[in-house]
Amino acid sequence: MAGLSLDDEELDEQLLTDEVSAIIRVPVGTLRRWRSLRPPVGPPCFPLNGFRVVYRRSKLLEWVLQQEASAGRAS
């Protein structure tokens, strides 16, 4: 992830669904639908204490870069 200036603590940050929604500009409902599909699609996430779903910022950034790479191969 060359060019990014996030430190390790920021990359390890846990984001809530509404925060991810704002970052990647995808509705919260879409994120919920993506993770309910089998297999799940969208950025990787996990339940925290079996209740609140969180996303690691580092995994979100990896997923965005994968989407960008995939789009480049498709065009």
Protein backbone atom coordinates (compact mmCIF):
# COMPACT_ATOMS: atom_id res chain seq x y z
CA MET A 1 0.00 0.00 0.00
CA ALA A 2 2.62 2.46 -1.12
CA GLY A 3 1.81 6.10 -0.70
CA LEU A 4 -0.41 5.70 2.36
CA SER A 5 0.77 7.43 5.49
CA LEU A 6 -1.24 5.61 8.14
CA ASP A 7 0.67 4.29 11.11
CA ASP A 8 0.24 0.76 12.48
CA GLU A 9 -2.23 1.90 15.14
CA GLU A 10 -4.46 3.56 12.54
CA LEU A 11 -4.30 0.49 10.28
CA ASP A 12 -5.33 -1.70 13.22
CA GLU A 13 -8.29 0.58 14.04
CA GLN A 14 -11.71 -1.06 14.23
CA LEU A 15 -14.40 0.70 12.21
CA LEU A 16 -18.16 0.41 12.59
CA THR A 17 -20.47 -0.24 9.66
CA ASP A 18 -21.56 3.40 9.36
CA GLU A 19 -17.92 4.52 9.29
CA VAL A 20 -17.09 2.04 6.52
CA SER A 21 -20.20 3.19 4.67
CA ALA A 22 -18.96 6.79 4.74
CA ILE A 23 -15.41 5.84 3.72
CA ILE A 24 -16.33 3.73 0.68
CA ARG A 25 -19.61 5.56 -0.05
CA VAL A 26 -21.76 2.44 0.00
CA PRO A 27 -25.07 2.44 1.90
CA VAL A 28 -25.12 0.69 5.29
CA GLY A 29 -27.85 -1.61 3.99
CA THR A 30 -25.60 -2.73 1.15
CA LEU A 31 -22.80 -3.59 3.58
CA ARG A 32 -25.27 -5.60 5.69
CA ARG A 33 -26.55 -7.42 2.61
CA TRP A 34 -23.04 -8.20 1.40
CA ARG A 35 -22.07 -9.80 4.69
CA SER A 36 -25.30 -11.84 4.82
CA LEU A 37 -24.56 -13.50 1.47
CA ARG A 38 -22.92 -16.93 1.42
CA PRO A 39 -20.08 -16.65 0.82
CA PRO A 40 -19.95 -13.06 2.10
CA VAL A 41 -18.86 -10.36 -0.31
CA GLY A 42 -17.57 -6.90 0.47
CA PRO A 43 -14.86 -5.93 2.89
CA PRO A 44 -13.96 -8.49 5.58
CA CYS A 45 -15.53 -7.94 8.98
CA PHE A 46 -16.15 -9.82 12.21
CA PRO A 47 -18.53 -9.67 15.16
CA LEU A 48 -17.12 -8.14 18.30
CA ASN A 49 -18.48 -9.91 21.38
CA GLY A 50 -20.98 -11.63 19.09
CA PHE A 51 -22.94 -8.41 18.66
CA ARG A 52 -21.32 -5.41 17.01
CA VAL A 53 -19.80 -5.92 13.57
CA VAL A 54 -16.44 -4.24 13.04
CA TYR A 55 -14.03 -3.86 10.16
CA ARG A 56 -10.26 -3.44 10.49
CA ARG A 57 -9.09 -0.39 8.58
CA SER A 58 -6.13 -2.36 7.14
CA LYS A 59 -8.43 -5.07 5.75
CA LEU A 60 -10.79 -2.45 4.33
CA LEU A 61 -7.90 -0.75 2.52
CA GLU A 62 -6.69 -4.12 1.17
CA TRP A 63 -10.19 -4.88 -0.09
CA VAL A 64 -10.48 -1.50 -1.82
CA LEU A 65 -7.13 -2.06 -3.54
CA GLN A 66 -8.29 -5.54 -4.66
CA GLN A 67 -11.45 -4.00 -6.11
CA GLU A 68 -9.39 -1.42 -7.95
CA ALA A 69 -7.06 -4.11 -9.34
CA SER A 70 -10.00 -6.25 -10.42
CA ALA A 71 -11.62 -3.30 -12.18
CA GLY A 72 -8.36 -2.62 -14.01
CA ARG A 73 -8.26 -6.20 -15.32
CA ALA A 74 -11.88 -6.00 -16.47
CA SER A 75 -11.39 -2.89 -18.60
